[in-house]
Each structure stands twice: as structure tokens, then as C-alpha cells.
């Protein structure tokens, strides 16, 4: 079995896009996020897609904004995005989300960081750099929406292995994922096992990663220290407030001061 270094390169790029980012899923999620944004961004000029991955979401957001600036640290992801999800108003950039510099040609009216991108910032320093960079790349009063692993729900609910089986055209994929709490590190240890079958050929590989989890109070503290105010916490993907029943947290924040 081949062991991949992370979820952002080699075989995973096309697999992630093809099996886990279908058209219906992307459109539904984009509509959901635009509804949360509501009237908070009346001038929908520039969207920052931070940790854009394969660019699938960027493509679906592009009709709603004049410009989409999409940033990812993976050169493989950005290359795929430019090839498969390119639009005239999307600017794809290979940069680290916490580089503490301007991402692209313009600042944003809104920013998103989906798929728990903030969780890849494993240390306090990394989280601060991530949020400082987003602050510096937003106009005053710009809004920032992101998802995160919600700590209380992870601690209070048993983590069960998850099994997904999907088929696209003649290719079938099976994914088994396991999660283990690492309380001393404020992280989840995530183990993914994939089996891909196409005609008579079968491939198998695995990925082992860590992702950070957060409480609402921890998120709020980081945001207020980097020039944001929290507008709301919510169950990401739903309409409910964020409680200990929900491990998939969402947060909407607004830039209230520039971080120097």
C-alpha cells in the first residue's frame, strides 16, 4: 500500500475533486454560504478563497463576484485548478495561507476557508499568522466565513470509523477513515485508507494527518486578537446554532480593525 505524505498532492488531487466535490455538492454549499453572507457584502467585488484546493468551489463562486482570488499551498492543487476549474475572473495563486503578505492583486470584500482549513494550522503561532494574513487581505468591514472541528462535540461524542463507497463512471472508490483525539496537542490524528478499482486494476494507499480542533471561546480569542469580531457561530451545513451536538462548526466574522 502506498503511503502519501498529505491530502494535497499526487493521486489525491483528482480523486478529491472527482469523488468528493461533485457539481450538486458544490452548488448547494455555495448557495448556503451566499445565504449566510446575505447583505453583509453588498459590494461583491472580490472573494478570497483561502485553501482553495482543486478550485471547484472557486468556480461555483465566480458568477457571484467580479474577481475570485484563490490561494493554496499545494502546487499540484493549483495546477489542477487552473486546468479544470479556470474562469476568466479567477486568479489562482500557490501561496501559504499564513504567509502574512498580500495574496493577489486586490484585497477582498469577503473571505472563505472551507473544509476545516484553519485546522491545518497546528500551533498558536500558525493560527495567528493565518488570521493576520486574512485580516491584511480584507478591506475594512470585510467578512470571513470558515469551518472548523468543534472541540466539545468531539470530546462528548464517540469517534467512530467512517466508511464511504462511491462510483463515478467505471471507477469505484472506498474510503475508510479513523480519528483519534490527541488532547495534549489540541489535535485529531486522522488516518485515511483508500481503495480505487477501475476495470481489472486496483490501487490502494493511505494518508496520516493531524488537524487542530477549537472551542468557540478559543476561536473568538484568536479572532479578537487579530482584528476581527465574531458575528455568529453555527452548525456548518445547517441552520442551527453551534452546540455540543455538532462537530462541524462554522463561524462568520467581520474585520473591525487592521492588524499591523
Foldseek 3Di string as FASTA:
>chain_A
DAADAACQDDPNQCVCCPPPPDPVVLLVQLVVVCVVCPCLQVQQAEEEEEQCFQVSNVLNCCVVYNAYEYEHQRPRSLVNNCVPRDDPRYHYDNDHLLPLDARDDAAGLEYEYEPANLQQQQDPVSNLSNLLSNLQRHDAFRKYKYKFFAPLLPVVDDWDWDWDWDDDDQKIKIKIKGWDDDVVRQKIWIKIWMWMDGDPDIDIYIYIDITHGDHPVRVQVSQVVNQKHWPAKDQRPDDHHDDSNGRIIMTMITGNDRGD
